Amino acid sequence: MTRGERIINEQSREEMQDILAEIQSGEFAREWILESQAGLPMKKSLEKMESEHPIEEVGAQLRAMMPWLEKK
């Protein structure tokens, strides 16, 4: 509540406006089409990095302590 302005500040608002402009202009779509045609190398790289993040190990340990989450 009292910390939000430290995260969502003028710089982040400007970045969000830039991203919106990329979406509206079609730049983002063109980039995604090229990524898809190339076999999704950036997406796969980002997914690999995310899967290796220490929080994933912590998450697995926490889920192991919650038997009600087990698939039936």
Protein backbone atom coordinates (compact mmCIF):
# COMPACT_ATOMS: atom_id res chain seq x y z
CA MET A 1 0.00 0.00 0.00
CA THR A 2 2.61 2.52 1.01
CA ARG A 3 5.31 1.09 -1.24
CA GLY A 4 3.49 1.05 -4.56
CA GLU A 5 4.95 4.32 -5.81
CA ARG A 6 8.41 2.84 -5.47
CA ILE A 7 7.45 0.19 -8.00
CA ILE A 8 4.94 1.94 -10.24
CA ASN A 9 6.62 5.26 -10.80
CA GLU A 10 7.03 7.63 -13.73
CA GLN A 11 9.71 5.44 -15.32
CA SER A 12 7.54 2.31 -15.19
CA ARG A 13 4.56 4.28 -16.53
CA GLU A 14 6.67 5.45 -19.47
CA GLU A 15 7.80 1.88 -20.15
CA MET A 16 4.19 0.68 -20.08
CA GLN A 17 3.25 3.43 -22.56
CA ASP A 18 6.12 2.35 -24.83
CA ILE A 19 4.99 -1.28 -24.66
CA LEU A 20 1.40 -0.29 -25.43
CA ALA A 21 2.63 1.68 -28.45
CA GLU A 22 4.55 -1.41 -29.66
CA ILE A 23 1.38 -3.48 -29.37
CA GLN A 24 -0.78 -0.88 -31.11
CA SER A 25 1.69 -0.40 -33.95
CA GLY A 26 1.94 -4.13 -34.64
CA GLU A 27 5.63 -4.21 -33.74
CA PHE A 28 5.02 -6.72 -30.95
CA ALA A 29 2.98 -8.99 -33.24
CA ARG A 30 5.67 -8.91 -35.93
CA GLU A 31 8.32 -9.75 -33.34
CA TRP A 32 6.23 -12.65 -31.99
CA ILE A 33 5.59 -14.01 -35.51
CA LEU A 34 9.33 -14.01 -36.25
CA GLU A 35 10.03 -15.66 -32.89
CA SER A 36 7.47 -18.35 -33.69
CA GLN A 37 8.85 -18.93 -37.19
CA ALA A 38 12.34 -19.33 -35.72
CA GLY A 39 11.17 -22.08 -33.36
CA LEU A 40 10.67 -19.90 -30.25
CA PRO A 41 14.35 -19.66 -29.19
CA MET A 42 13.87 -16.66 -26.88
CA LYS A 43 10.77 -18.14 -25.26
CA LYS A 44 12.52 -21.46 -24.67
CA SER A 45 15.57 -19.70 -23.24
CA LEU A 46 13.44 -17.65 -20.85
CA GLU A 47 11.47 -20.73 -19.77
CA LYS A 48 14.72 -22.59 -19.06
CA MET A 49 16.06 -19.70 -16.98
CA GLU A 50 12.80 -19.50 -15.05
CA SER A 51 12.74 -23.25 -14.38
CA GLU A 52 16.26 -23.04 -12.95
CA HIS A 53 15.47 -20.15 -10.60
CA PRO A 54 15.85 -21.02 -6.89
CA ILE A 55 12.22 -20.09 -6.21
CA GLU A 56 11.17 -23.12 -8.26
CA GLU A 57 12.94 -25.46 -5.81
CA VAL A 58 11.26 -23.71 -2.88
CA GLY A 59 7.91 -23.98 -4.65
CA ALA A 60 8.38 -27.71 -5.19
CA GLN A 61 9.22 -28.19 -1.52
CA LEU A 62 6.16 -26.22 -0.44
CA ARG A 63 3.85 -28.10 -2.82
CA ALA A 64 5.21 -31.39 -1.43
CA MET A 65 3.91 -30.31 1.99
CA MET A 66 0.40 -29.79 0.58
CA PRO A 67 -1.04 -33.23 -0.19
CA TRP A 68 -4.40 -31.73 -1.19
CA LEU A 69 -2.70 -30.38 -4.32
CA GLU A 70 -1.89 -33.87 -5.61
CA LYS A 71 -3.46 -34.72 -8.93
CA LYS A 72 -6.24 -37.28 -8.73
